[in-house]
Amino acid sequence: MTAVLIACAHGTRFEEGRVVVRELLDVLRATAPDGVEVHEAYVDVHGPYVTDVVAAARERTSDIVIVPLLLSTGYHTEVDLVEAADGLPLAPALGPHPVLAAILADRVRATGAAPDDTVVLAAAGSTRPGAVVDVERMAEMMRDAGIAAPIVTAYAAASEPKIPDAVHAARAAGHRTVAASYVLAPGHFSRVIEKAEADLTSEPIGADPRLAEIVWERWREARSGAAAAAVAAVGASGGAGAVSVAGRSEVLGAGAAGPSVTPSRRGPLRRIARVTARVLGGALLATLVGVVLLAAAGLSSDRGVRRRRRA
């Protein structure tokens, strides 16, 4: 069975940004494992929208993983894509990641930055607290990647400090400023970063071939995590080795890692487990629901025995 990676970017009204995303998709297709298709999707601004791409992929295969082409966690990763996935494995954002830090460090060095400059790690920003945590972690990784200059984080929107304020503060302290563009492609946020008027501004990350390493790592982890969750759900279903959660066919499809499970003769319990694994994506809640359902089934059976004994 074909496996599908849905690579979901944000979307932009700027054509140069769309070109970069399509170039990155070409890189992903060129590096894809055998039997894995890469499908283009967007969560905002323009299509093909991720909900439509997911629906079309479901008609062909159950082995689907969504990987956001987004740099940090945020509303899109925590809400929009969770809803679009509807139980399918959903990978985390690309960052923070050491490979991203290495790319950003290269972009900063390409500007001619000096060790006594102040680097402003300029991110899009989000109302979700996790986004700030991710960006702060990226700043630490950039230091590990060899950026000796002081690094401060700033945001185009939603979070504080704003990029122009960070630039002005560093300049007021007597430092030349370098805006490290922590955005994937040219677009609205790259223009906000440019307007902050740092002394030097790096290029967006772009379709760097090294991004493929992160994307495929996220894909593998999400896919294998779903397989492990499916097996755990089977184990929690009673331990008799008889309940099938259709782990490979319903959660990951053919070819996914994971032990085979002996089919059960108990049709209702098998259907319950299959639906639980598909809808909840093998999450912890699936295990809890399975335990509750089996307990309820046992209680119902016990009551039936008691009624027959009274009769």
C-alpha atoms as a PDB file:
ATOM      1  CA  MET A   1       0.000   0.000   0.000  1.00  0.00           C
ATOM      2  CA  THR A   2       1.223   3.490  -0.842  1.00  0.00           C
ATOM      3  CA  ALA A   3       2.364   5.691   2.032  1.00  0.00           C
ATOM      4  CA  VAL A   4       1.642   9.416   1.940  1.00  0.00           C
ATOM      5  CA  LEU A   5       3.460  12.309   3.581  1.00  0.00           C
ATOM      6  CA  ILE A   6       1.326  15.452   3.526  1.00  0.00           C
ATOM      7  CA  ALA A   7       3.746  18.376   3.693  1.00  0.00           C
ATOM      8  CA  CYS A   8       1.660  21.267   4.992  1.00  0.00           C
ATOM      9  CA  ALA A   9       2.972  24.819   4.734  1.00  0.00           C
ATOM     10  CA  HIS A  10       1.275  27.976   5.971  1.00  0.00           C
ATOM     11  CA  GLY A  11       0.446  29.549   2.632  1.00  0.00           C
ATOM     12  CA  THR A  12       1.267  33.018   1.315  1.00  0.00           C
ATOM     13  CA  ARG A  13      -0.129  35.462  -1.178  1.00  0.00           C
ATOM     14  CA  PHE A  14       3.418  36.237  -2.368  1.00  0.00           C
ATOM     15  CA  GLU A  15       4.405  34.222  -5.413  1.00  0.00           C
ATOM     16  CA  GLU A  16       8.101  34.152  -4.479  1.00  0.00           C
ATOM     17  CA  GLY A  17       7.139  32.413  -1.242  1.00  0.00           C
ATOM     18  CA  ARG A  18       5.058  29.826  -3.090  1.00  0.00           C
ATOM     19  CA  VAL A  19       8.008  29.128  -5.386  1.00  0.00           C
ATOM     20  CA  VAL A  20      10.232  28.362  -2.388  1.00  0.00           C
ATOM     21  CA  VAL A  21       7.685  25.937  -0.927  1.00  0.00           C
ATOM     22  CA  ARG A  22       7.344  24.132  -4.253  1.00  0.00           C
ATOM     23  CA  GLU A  23      11.140  23.889  -4.476  1.00  0.00           C
ATOM     24  CA  LEU A  24      11.209  22.340  -1.016  1.00  0.00           C
ATOM     25  CA  LEU A  25       8.522  19.859  -2.075  1.00  0.00           C
ATOM     26  CA  ASP A  26      10.741  18.875  -5.013  1.00  0.00           C
ATOM     27  CA  VAL A  27      13.584  18.230  -2.568  1.00  0.00           C
ATOM     28  CA  LEU A  28      11.321  16.059  -0.432  1.00  0.00           C
ATOM     29  CA  ARG A  29      10.130  14.040  -3.420  1.00  0.00           C
ATOM     30  CA  ALA A  30      13.707  13.499  -4.550  1.00  0.00           C
ATOM     31  CA  THR A  31      14.671  12.176  -1.108  1.00  0.00           C
ATOM     32  CA  ALA A  32      11.495  10.211  -0.332  1.00  0.00           C
ATOM     33  CA  PRO A  33      11.801   6.547   0.666  1.00  0.00           C
ATOM     34  CA  ASP A  34      10.554   4.032  -1.875  1.00  0.00           C
ATOM     35  CA  GLY A  35       6.788   3.823  -1.949  1.00  0.00           C
ATOM     36  CA  VAL A  36       6.196   7.169  -0.221  1.00  0.00           C
ATOM     37  CA  GLU A  37       4.372   9.991  -1.993  1.00  0.00           C
ATOM     38  CA  VAL A  38       4.737  13.650  -0.976  1.00  0.00           C
ATOM     39  CA  HIS A  39       1.540  15.686  -1.239  1.00  0.00           C
ATOM     40  CA  GLU A  40       1.370  19.486  -1.147  1.00  0.00           C
ATOM     41  CA  ALA A  41      -1.005  21.193   1.317  1.00  0.00           C
ATOM     42  CA  TYR A  42      -1.582  24.524   3.041  1.00  0.00           C
ATOM     43  CA  VAL A  43      -3.298  25.453   6.269  1.00  0.00           C
ATOM     44  CA  ASP A  44      -4.188  29.054   5.357  1.00  0.00           C
ATOM     45  CA  VAL A  45      -4.393  31.683   2.595  1.00  0.00           C
ATOM     46  CA  HIS A  46      -4.721  29.371  -0.423  1.00  0.00           C
ATOM     47  CA  GLY A  47      -5.160  25.785  -1.535  1.00  0.00           C
ATOM     48  CA  PRO A  48      -4.762  22.971  -1.871  1.00  0.00           C
ATOM     49  CA  TYR A  49      -6.069  23.114   1.704  1.00  0.00           C
ATOM     50  CA  VAL A  50      -4.922  20.420   4.080  1.00  0.00           C
ATOM     51  CA  THR A  51      -8.459  19.207   4.849  1.00  0.00           C
ATOM     52  CA  ASP A  52      -9.068  18.530   1.150  1.00  0.00           C
ATOM     53  CA  VAL A  53      -5.681  16.839   0.710  1.00  0.00           C
ATOM     54  CA  VAL A  54      -6.333  14.597   3.712  1.00  0.00           C
ATOM     55  CA  ALA A  55      -9.763  13.616   2.376  1.00  0.00           C
ATOM     56  CA  ALA A  56      -8.325  12.722  -1.021  1.00  0.00           C
ATOM     57  CA  ALA A  57      -5.466  10.723   0.493  1.00  0.00           C
ATOM     58  CA  ARG A  58      -7.851   8.733   2.713  1.00  0.00           C
ATOM     59  CA  GLU A  59      -9.586   7.449  -0.415  1.00  0.00           C
ATOM     60  CA  ARG A  60      -6.328   5.764  -1.508  1.00  0.00           C
ATOM     61  CA  THR A  61      -4.516   4.708   1.661  1.00  0.00           C
ATOM     62  CA  SER A  62      -4.606   4.664   5.446  1.00  0.00           C
ATOM     63  CA  ASP A  63      -0.828   5.148   5.713  1.00  0.00           C
ATOM     64  CA  ILE A  64      -0.828   8.939   5.996  1.00  0.00           C
ATOM     65  CA  VAL A  65       1.341  11.265   8.080  1.00  0.00           C
ATOM     66  CA  ILE A  66       1.038  15.055   8.171  1.00  0.00           C
ATOM     67  CA  VAL A  67       4.293  16.972   8.617  1.00  0.00           C
ATOM     68  CA  PRO A  68       3.933  20.746   9.114  1.00  0.00           C
ATOM     69  CA  LEU A  69       6.374  22.860   7.118  1.00  0.00           C
ATOM     70  CA  LEU A  70       6.156  25.317  10.009  1.00  0.00           C
ATOM     71  CA  LEU A  71       9.090  26.370  12.146  1.00  0.00           C
ATOM     72  CA  SER A  72       7.479  26.526  15.592  1.00  0.00           C
ATOM     73  CA  THR A  73       4.452  25.292  17.432  1.00  0.00           C
ATOM     74  CA  GLY A  74       1.422  27.578  17.325  1.00  0.00           C
ATOM     75  CA  TYR A  75      -2.301  27.742  16.725  1.00  0.00           C
ATOM     76  CA  HIS A  76      -2.003  26.028  13.363  1.00  0.00           C
ATOM     77  CA  THR A  77      -0.083  23.038  14.768  1.00  0.00           C
ATOM     78  CA  GLU A  78      -2.100  22.773  17.976  1.00  0.00           C
ATOM     79  CA  VAL A  79      -5.605  23.376  16.611  1.00  0.00           C
ATOM     80  CA  ASP A  80      -6.034  23.615  12.833  1.00  0.00           C
ATOM     81  CA  LEU A  81      -3.822  20.688  11.885  1.00  0.00           C
ATOM     82  CA  VAL A  82      -5.096  18.523  14.737  1.00  0.00           C
ATOM     83  CA  GLU A  83      -8.612  19.004  13.401  1.00  0.00           C
ATOM     84  CA  ALA A  84      -7.515  18.365   9.829  1.00  0.00           C
ATOM     85  CA  ALA A  85      -5.640  15.200  10.837  1.00  0.00           C
ATOM     86  CA  ASP A  86      -8.775  13.770  12.475  1.00  0.00           C
ATOM     87  CA  GLY A  87      -6.807  11.003  14.147  1.00  0.00           C
ATOM     88  CA  LEU A  88      -4.028  10.629  11.592  1.00  0.00           C
ATOM     89  CA  PRO A  89      -0.418  10.847  12.813  1.00  0.00           C
ATOM     90  CA  LEU A  90       0.628  14.501  13.001  1.00  0.00           C
ATOM     91  CA  ALA A  91       4.293  15.394  13.363  1.00  0.00           C
ATOM     92  CA  PRO A  92       5.466  18.416  15.363  1.00  0.00           C
ATOM     93  CA  ALA A  93       6.776  21.591  13.760  1.00  0.00           C
ATOM     94  CA  LEU A  94      10.213  21.506  12.132  1.00  0.00           C
ATOM     95  CA  GLY A  95      11.785  23.517  14.921  1.00  0.00           C
ATOM     96  CA  PRO A  96      13.493  23.602  17.241  1.00  0.00           C
ATOM     97  CA  HIS A  97      16.071  21.340  15.643  1.00  0.00           C
ATOM     98  CA  PRO A  98      19.891  21.378  15.429  1.00  0.00           C
ATOM     99  CA  VAL A  99      19.777  21.241  11.620  1.00  0.00           C
ATOM    100  CA  LEU A 100      17.642  24.394  11.549  1.00  0.00           C
ATOM    101  CA  ALA A 101      20.119  26.025  13.909  1.00  0.00           C
ATOM    102  CA  ALA A 102      22.978  25.150  11.548  1.00  0.00           C
ATOM    103  CA  ILE A 103      21.083  26.647   8.598  1.00  0.00           C
ATOM    104  CA  LEU A 104      20.321  29.835  10.539  1.00  0.00           C
ATOM    105  CA  ALA A 105      23.944  30.089  11.641  1.00  0.00           C
ATOM    106  CA  ASP A 106      25.061  29.816   8.010  1.00  0.00           C
ATOM    107  CA  ARG A 107      22.581  32.533   6.997  1.00  0.00           C
ATOM    108  CA  VAL A 108      23.894  34.833   9.738  1.00  0.00           C
ATOM    109  CA  ARG A 109      27.528  34.271   8.750  1.00  0.00           C
ATOM    110  CA  ALA A 110      26.632  34.996   5.119  1.00  0.00           C
ATOM    111  CA  THR A 111      25.620  38.538   6.124  1.00  0.00           C
ATOM    112  CA  GLY A 112      29.140  39.261   7.353  1.00  0.00           C
ATOM    113  CA  ALA A 113      28.140  39.392  10.996  1.00  0.00           C
ATOM    114  CA  ALA A 114      30.899  40.005  13.533  1.00  0.00           C
ATOM    115  CA  PRO A 115      31.281  38.415  17.002  1.00  0.00           C
ATOM    116  CA  ASP A 116      30.454  41.721  18.728  1.00  0.00           C
ATOM    117  CA  ASP A 117      27.212  42.254  16.795  1.00  0.00           C
ATOM    118  CA  THR A 118      23.849  41.486  18.373  1.00  0.00           C
ATOM    119  CA  VAL A 119      21.845  38.829  16.541  1.00  0.00           C
ATOM    120  CA  VAL A 120      18.094  39.286  16.676  1.00  0.00           C
ATOM    121  CA  LEU A 121      16.436  35.934  16.043  1.00  0.00           C
ATOM    122  CA  ALA A 122      13.374  37.293  14.251  1.00  0.00           C
ATOM    123  CA  ALA A 123      10.389  34.921  14.302  1.00  0.00           C
ATOM    124  CA  ALA A 124       6.780  35.290  13.188  1.00  0.00           C
ATOM    125  CA  GLY A 125       5.272  35.011  16.672  1.00  0.00           C
ATOM    126  CA  SER A 126       2.177  33.289  18.026  1.00  0.00           C
ATOM    127  CA  THR A 127      -0.406  33.619  20.769  1.00  0.00           C
ATOM    128  CA  ARG A 128       0.493  30.090  21.906  1.00  0.00           C
ATOM    129  CA  PRO A 129       3.061  30.051  24.752  1.00  0.00           C
ATOM    130  CA  GLY A 130       4.850  27.062  23.259  1.00  0.00           C
ATOM    131  CA  ALA A 131       5.949  29.149  20.290  1.00  0.00           C
ATOM    132  CA  VAL A 132       8.083  31.416  22.480  1.00  0.00           C
ATOM    133  CA  VAL A 133       9.616  28.385  24.160  1.00  0.00           C
ATOM    134  CA  ASP A 134      10.504  26.946  20.751  1.00  0.00           C
ATOM    135  CA  VAL A 135      12.160  30.146  19.556  1.00  0.00           C
ATOM    136  CA  GLU A 136      14.151  30.520  22.775  1.00  0.00           C
ATOM    137  CA  ARG A 137      15.348  26.957  22.321  1.00  0.00           C
ATOM    138  CA  MET A 138      16.387  27.770  18.740  1.00  0.00           C
ATOM    139  CA  ALA A 139      18.500  30.650  20.044  1.00  0.00           C
ATOM    140  CA  GLU A 140      20.305  28.204  22.351  1.00  0.00           C
ATOM    141  CA  MET A 141      20.870  25.825  19.453  1.00  0.00           C
ATOM    142  CA  MET A 142      22.312  28.643  17.349  1.00  0.00           C
ATOM    143  CA  ARG A 143      24.885  29.251  20.072  1.00  0.00           C
ATOM    144  CA  ASP A 144      25.705  25.548  19.975  1.00  0.00           C
ATOM    145  CA  ALA A 145      26.022  25.883  16.178  1.00  0.00           C
ATOM    146  CA  GLY A 146      28.830  28.391  16.618  1.00  0.00           C
ATOM    147  CA  ILE A 147      27.225  31.845  16.763  1.00  0.00           C
ATOM    148  CA  ALA A 148      29.402  33.662  19.289  1.00  0.00           C
ATOM    149  CA  ALA A 149      27.529  36.962  19.139  1.00  0.00           C
ATOM    150  CA  PRO A 150      24.784  37.702  21.685  1.00  0.00           C
ATOM    151  CA  ILE A 151      21.405  36.406  20.493  1.00  0.00           C
ATOM    152  CA  VAL A 152      18.069  37.914  21.495  1.00  0.00           C
ATOM    153  CA  THR A 153      14.659  36.710  20.358  1.00  0.00           C
ATOM    154  CA  ALA A 154      11.968  38.943  18.897  1.00  0.00           C
ATOM    155  CA  TYR A 155       8.699  38.583  17.028  1.00  0.00           C
ATOM    156  CA  ALA A 156       6.795  40.098  14.137  1.00  0.00           C
ATOM    157  CA  ALA A 157       3.413  39.676  15.823  1.00  0.00           C
ATOM    158  CA  ALA A 158       1.552  38.371  18.895  1.00  0.00           C
ATOM    159  CA  SER A 159       4.583  37.928  21.180  1.00  0.00           C
ATOM    160  CA  GLU A 160       7.030  40.341  22.798  1.00  0.00           C
ATOM    161  CA  PRO A 161       9.452  41.938  22.203  1.00  0.00           C
ATOM    162  CA  LYS A 162       8.685  43.083  18.696  1.00  0.00           C
ATOM    163  CA  ILE A 163      11.509  42.939  16.177  1.00  0.00           C
ATOM    164  CA  PRO A 164      11.941  46.740  15.737  1.00  0.00           C
ATOM    165  CA  ASP A 165      12.084  47.187  19.524  1.00  0.00           C
ATOM    166  CA  ALA A 166      14.802  44.542  19.861  1.00  0.00           C
ATOM    167  CA  VAL A 167      16.781  46.136  17.032  1.00  0.00           C
ATOM    168  CA  HIS A 168      16.514  49.608  18.558  1.00  0.00           C
ATOM    169  CA  ALA A 169      17.481  48.369  22.034  1.00  0.00           C
ATOM    170  CA  ALA A 170      20.620  46.668  20.739  1.00  0.00           C
ATOM    171  CA  ARG A 171      21.551  49.690  18.668  1.00  0.00           C
ATOM    172  CA  ALA A 172      21.017  52.001  21.662  1.00  0.00           C
ATOM    173  CA  ALA A 173      23.470  49.829  23.592  1.00  0.00           C
ATOM    174  CA  GLY A 174      26.065  50.513  20.910  1.00  0.00           C
ATOM    175  CA  HIS A 175      25.843  47.246  18.990  1.00  0.00           C
ATOM    176  CA  ARG A 176      25.458  46.623  15.290  1.00  0.00           C
ATOM    177  CA  THR A 177      22.387  44.475  14.720  1.00  0.00           C
ATOM    178  CA  VAL A 178      21.834  41.389  12.577  1.00  0.00           C
ATOM    179  CA  ALA A 179      18.271  40.197  12.008  1.00  0.00           C
ATOM    180  CA  ALA A 180      18.303  36.415  11.578  1.00  0.00           C
ATOM    181  CA  SER A 181      15.172  35.733   9.539  1.00  0.00           C
ATOM    182  CA  TYR A 182      13.521  32.763  11.205  1.00  0.00           C
ATOM    183  CA  VAL A 183      10.951  32.313   8.449  1.00  0.00           C
ATOM    184  CA  LEU A 184      10.760  29.629   5.805  1.00  0.00           C
ATOM    185  CA  ALA A 185      10.131  31.721   2.701  1.00  0.00           C
ATOM    186  CA  PRO A 186       9.667  35.281   1.471  1.00  0.00           C
ATOM    187  CA  GLY A 187       6.281  36.676   2.381  1.00  0.00           C
ATOM    188  CA  HIS A 188       4.513  38.900   4.863  1.00  0.00           C
ATOM    189  CA  PHE A 189       6.743  38.138   7.841  1.00  0.00           C
ATOM    190  CA  SER A 190       9.989  38.428   5.892  1.00  0.00           C
ATOM    191  CA  ARG A 191       8.894  41.924   4.909  1.00  0.00           C
ATOM    192  CA  VAL A 192       8.161  42.806   8.535  1.00  0.00           C
ATOM    193  CA  ILE A 193      11.685  41.687   9.423  1.00  0.00           C
ATOM    194  CA  GLU A 194      13.192  43.780   6.633  1.00  0.00           C
ATOM    195  CA  LYS A 195      11.256  46.869   7.771  1.00  0.00           C
ATOM    196  CA  ALA A 196      12.792  46.570  11.245  1.00  0.00           C
ATOM    197  CA  GLU A 197      15.902  48.090   9.612  1.00  0.00           C
ATOM    198  CA  ALA A 198      18.578  46.044  11.314  1.00  0.00           C
ATOM    199  CA  ASP A 199      22.056  46.810  10.069  1.00  0.00           C
ATOM    200  CA  LEU A 200      22.172  43.377   8.430  1.00  0.00           C
ATOM    201  CA  THR A 201      19.332  40.993   7.612  1.00  0.00           C
ATOM    202  CA  SER A 202      19.732  37.370   6.643  1.00  0.00           C
ATOM    203  CA  GLU A 203      17.789  35.605   3.931  1.00  0.00           C
ATOM    204  CA  PRO A 204      14.850  33.335   4.869  1.00  0.00           C
ATOM    205  CA  ILE A 205      15.705  29.681   5.380  1.00  0.00           C
ATOM    206  CA  GLY A 206      14.370  28.796   1.930  1.00  0.00           C
ATOM    207  CA  ALA A 207      14.405  25.380   0.247  1.00  0.00           C
ATOM    208  CA  ASP A 208      17.651  24.317   1.888  1.00  0.00           C
ATOM    209  CA  PRO A 209      18.241  20.620   1.086  1.00  0.00           C
ATOM    210  CA  ARG A 210      19.089  20.010   4.750  1.00  0.00           C
ATOM    211  CA  LEU A 211      15.432  20.570   5.638  1.00  0.00           C
ATOM    212  CA  ALA A 212      14.645  17.188   4.096  1.00  0.00           C
ATOM    213  CA  GLU A 213      16.560  15.533   6.944  1.00  0.00           C
ATOM    214  CA  ILE A 214      14.218  17.143   9.470  1.00  0.00           C
ATOM    215  CA  VAL A 215      11.051  16.413   7.513  1.00  0.00           C
ATOM    216  CA  TRP A 216      11.818  12.736   7.072  1.00  0.00           C
ATOM    217  CA  GLU A 217      12.898  12.434  10.692  1.00  0.00           C
ATOM    218  CA  ARG A 218       9.551  13.932  11.779  1.00  0.00           C
ATOM    219  CA  TRP A 219       7.722  11.579   9.405  1.00  0.00           C
ATOM    220  CA  ARG A 220       9.478   8.481  10.730  1.00  0.00           C
ATOM    221  CA  GLU A 221       8.914   9.423  14.360  1.00  0.00           C
ATOM    222  CA  ALA A 222       5.217  10.194  13.884  1.00  0.00           C
ATOM    223  CA  ARG A 223       4.654   7.035  11.870  1.00  0.00           C
ATOM    224  CA  SER A 224       6.493   4.717  14.272  1.00  0.00           C
ATOM    225  CA  GLY A 225       4.865   6.453  17.237  1.00  0.00           C
ATOM    226  CA  ALA A 226       1.440   5.688  15.828  1.00  0.00           C
ATOM    227  CA  ALA A 227       2.455   2.047  15.366  1.00  0.00           C
ATOM    228  CA  ALA A 228       3.659   1.801  18.957  1.00  0.00           C
ATOM    229  CA  ALA A 229       0.446   3.392  20.218  1.00  0.00           C
ATOM    230  CA  ALA A 230      -1.613   0.912  18.225  1.00  0.00           C
ATOM    231  CA  VAL A 231       0.291  -2.012  19.746  1.00  0.00           C
ATOM    232  CA  ALA A 232      -0.140  -0.503  23.224  1.00  0.00           C
ATOM    233  CA  ALA A 233      -3.877  -0.228  22.620  1.00  0.00           C
ATOM    234  CA  VAL A 234      -3.957  -3.916  21.703  1.00  0.00           C
ATOM    235  CA  GLY A 235      -2.117  -4.812  24.896  1.00  0.00           C
ATOM    236  CA  ALA A 236      -4.541  -2.779  26.986  1.00  0.00           C
ATOM    237  CA  SER A 237      -7.548  -4.488  25.435  1.00  0.00           C
ATOM    238  CA  GLY A 238      -7.338  -7.532  27.652  1.00  0.00           C
ATOM    239  CA  GLY A 239      -4.061  -9.323  27.001  1.00  0.00           C
ATOM    240  CA  ALA A 240      -5.745 -12.425  25.551  1.00  0.00           C
ATOM    241  CA  GLY A 241      -4.001 -11.750  22.245  1.00  0.00           C
ATOM    242  CA  ALA A 242      -7.346 -11.904  20.530  1.00  0.00           C
ATOM    243  CA  VAL A 243      -8.418  -8.313  19.958  1.00  0.00           C
ATOM    244  CA  SER A 244      -7.335  -6.682  16.706  1.00  0.00           C
ATOM    245  CA  VAL A 245      -6.899  -2.915  16.511  1.00  0.00           C
ATOM    246  CA  ALA A 246      -6.057  -3.185  12.831  1.00  0.00           C
ATOM    247  CA  GLY A 247      -2.855  -1.445  13.821  1.00  0.00           C
ATOM    248  CA  ARG A 248      -1.068  -1.605  10.509  1.00  0.00           C
ATOM    249  CA  SER A 249      -4.048  -1.408   8.193  1.00  0.00           C
ATOM    250  CA  GLU A 250      -6.043   1.279   9.976  1.00  0.00           C
ATOM    251  CA  VAL A 251      -3.341   3.398  11.596  1.00  0.00           C
ATOM    252  CA  LEU A 252      -0.321   3.129   9.344  1.00  0.00           C
ATOM    253  CA  GLY A 253      -1.217   0.893   6.444  1.00  0.00           C
ATOM    254  CA  ALA A 254       0.778  -1.897   4.891  1.00  0.00           C
ATOM    255  CA  GLY A 255       4.515  -1.933   5.390  1.00  0.00           C
ATOM    256  CA  ALA A 256       4.471  -0.180   8.773  1.00  0.00           C
ATOM    257  CA  ALA A 257       6.610  -1.502  11.568  1.00  0.00           C
ATOM    258  CA  GLY A 258       4.904  -3.439  14.336  1.00  0.00           C
ATOM    259  CA  PRO A 259       4.028  -7.016  15.291  1.00  0.00           C
ATOM    260  CA  SER A 260       1.095  -8.812  13.747  1.00  0.00           C
ATOM    261  CA  VAL A 261      -1.978  -9.364  15.910  1.00  0.00           C
ATOM    262  CA  THR A 262      -4.122 -12.467  15.898  1.00  0.00           C
ATOM    263  CA  PRO A 263      -7.636 -11.526  14.726  1.00  0.00           C
ATOM    264  CA  SER A 264     -10.384 -11.816  17.308  1.00  0.00           C
ATOM    265  CA  ARG A 265     -13.607 -13.667  16.969  1.00  0.00           C
ATOM    266  CA  ARG A 266     -15.291 -11.039  19.085  1.00  0.00           C
ATOM    267  CA  GLY A 267     -16.594  -8.769  16.349  1.00  0.00           C
ATOM    268  CA  PRO A 268     -18.043  -5.982  18.533  1.00  0.00           C
ATOM    269  CA  LEU A 269     -14.859  -5.559  20.556  1.00  0.00           C
ATOM    270  CA  ARG A 270     -12.785  -5.600  17.392  1.00  0.00           C
ATOM    271  CA  ARG A 271     -14.918  -2.823  15.875  1.00  0.00           C
ATOM    272  CA  ILE A 272     -14.653  -0.776  19.072  1.00  0.00           C
ATOM    273  CA  ALA A 273     -10.879  -1.082  19.097  1.00  0.00           C
ATOM    274  CA  ARG A 274     -10.596  -0.245  15.391  1.00  0.00           C
ATOM    275  CA  VAL A 275     -12.704   2.893  15.695  1.00  0.00           C
ATOM    276  CA  THR A 276     -10.844   3.956  18.832  1.00  0.00           C
ATOM    277  CA  ALA A 277      -7.446   3.617  17.161  1.00  0.00           C
ATOM    278  CA  ARG A 278      -8.562   5.459  14.007  1.00  0.00           C
ATOM    279  CA  VAL A 279     -10.337   8.383  15.654  1.00  0.00           C
ATOM    280  CA  LEU A 280      -7.931   8.962  18.513  1.00  0.00           C
ATOM    281  CA  GLY A 281      -4.818   8.168  16.495  1.00  0.00           C
ATOM    282  CA  GLY A 282      -3.511   5.721  19.074  1.00  0.00           C
ATOM    283  CA  ALA A 283      -3.235   8.405  21.727  1.00  0.00           C
ATOM    284  CA  LEU A 284      -3.275   7.626  25.443  1.00  0.00           C
ATOM    285  CA  LEU A 285      -6.973   8.340  25.516  1.00  0.00           C
ATOM    286  CA  ALA A 286      -7.499   5.387  23.183  1.00  0.00           C
ATOM    287  CA  THR A 287      -6.055   3.078  25.819  1.00  0.00           C
ATOM    288  CA  LEU A 288      -8.270   4.545  28.534  1.00  0.00           C
ATOM    289  CA  VAL A 289     -11.371   4.252  26.387  1.00  0.00           C
ATOM    290  CA  GLY A 290     -10.541   0.665  25.525  1.00  0.00           C
ATOM    291  CA  VAL A 291     -10.149  -0.250  29.196  1.00  0.00           C
ATOM    292  CA  VAL A 292     -13.459   1.412  30.086  1.00  0.00           C
ATOM    293  CA  LEU A 293     -15.307  -0.328  27.261  1.00  0.00           C
ATOM    294  CA  LEU A 294     -13.929  -3.739  28.187  1.00  0.00           C
ATOM    295  CA  ALA A 295     -14.786  -3.183  31.833  1.00  0.00           C
ATOM    296  CA  ALA A 296     -18.310  -2.220  30.816  1.00  0.00           C
ATOM    297  CA  ALA A 297     -18.582  -5.329  28.655  1.00  0.00           C
ATOM    298  CA  GLY A 298     -17.455  -7.513  31.557  1.00  0.00           C
ATOM    299  CA  LEU A 299     -19.941  -5.885  33.887  1.00  0.00           C
ATOM    300  CA  SER A 300     -22.734  -6.398  31.379  1.00  0.00           C
ATOM    301  CA  SER A 301     -21.793 -10.068  30.986  1.00  0.00           C
ATOM    302  CA  ASP A 302     -21.720 -10.545  34.747  1.00  0.00           C
ATOM    303  CA  ARG A 303     -25.156  -9.012  35.108  1.00  0.00           C
ATOM    304  CA  GLY A 304     -26.452 -11.343  32.417  1.00  0.00           C
ATOM    305  CA  VAL A 305     -25.151 -14.368  34.309  1.00  0.00           C
ATOM    306  CA  ARG A 306     -26.812 -13.144  37.454  1.00  0.00           C
ATOM    307  CA  ARG A 307     -30.143 -12.711  35.689  1.00  0.00           C
ATOM    308  CA  ARG A 308     -29.954 -16.248  34.324  1.00  0.00           C
ATOM    309  CA  ARG A 309     -29.159 -17.598  37.784  1.00  0.00           C
ATOM    310  CA  ARG A 310     -32.194 -15.797  39.240  1.00  0.00           C
ATOM    311  CA  ALA A 311     -34.352 -17.195  36.489  1.00  0.00           C
END
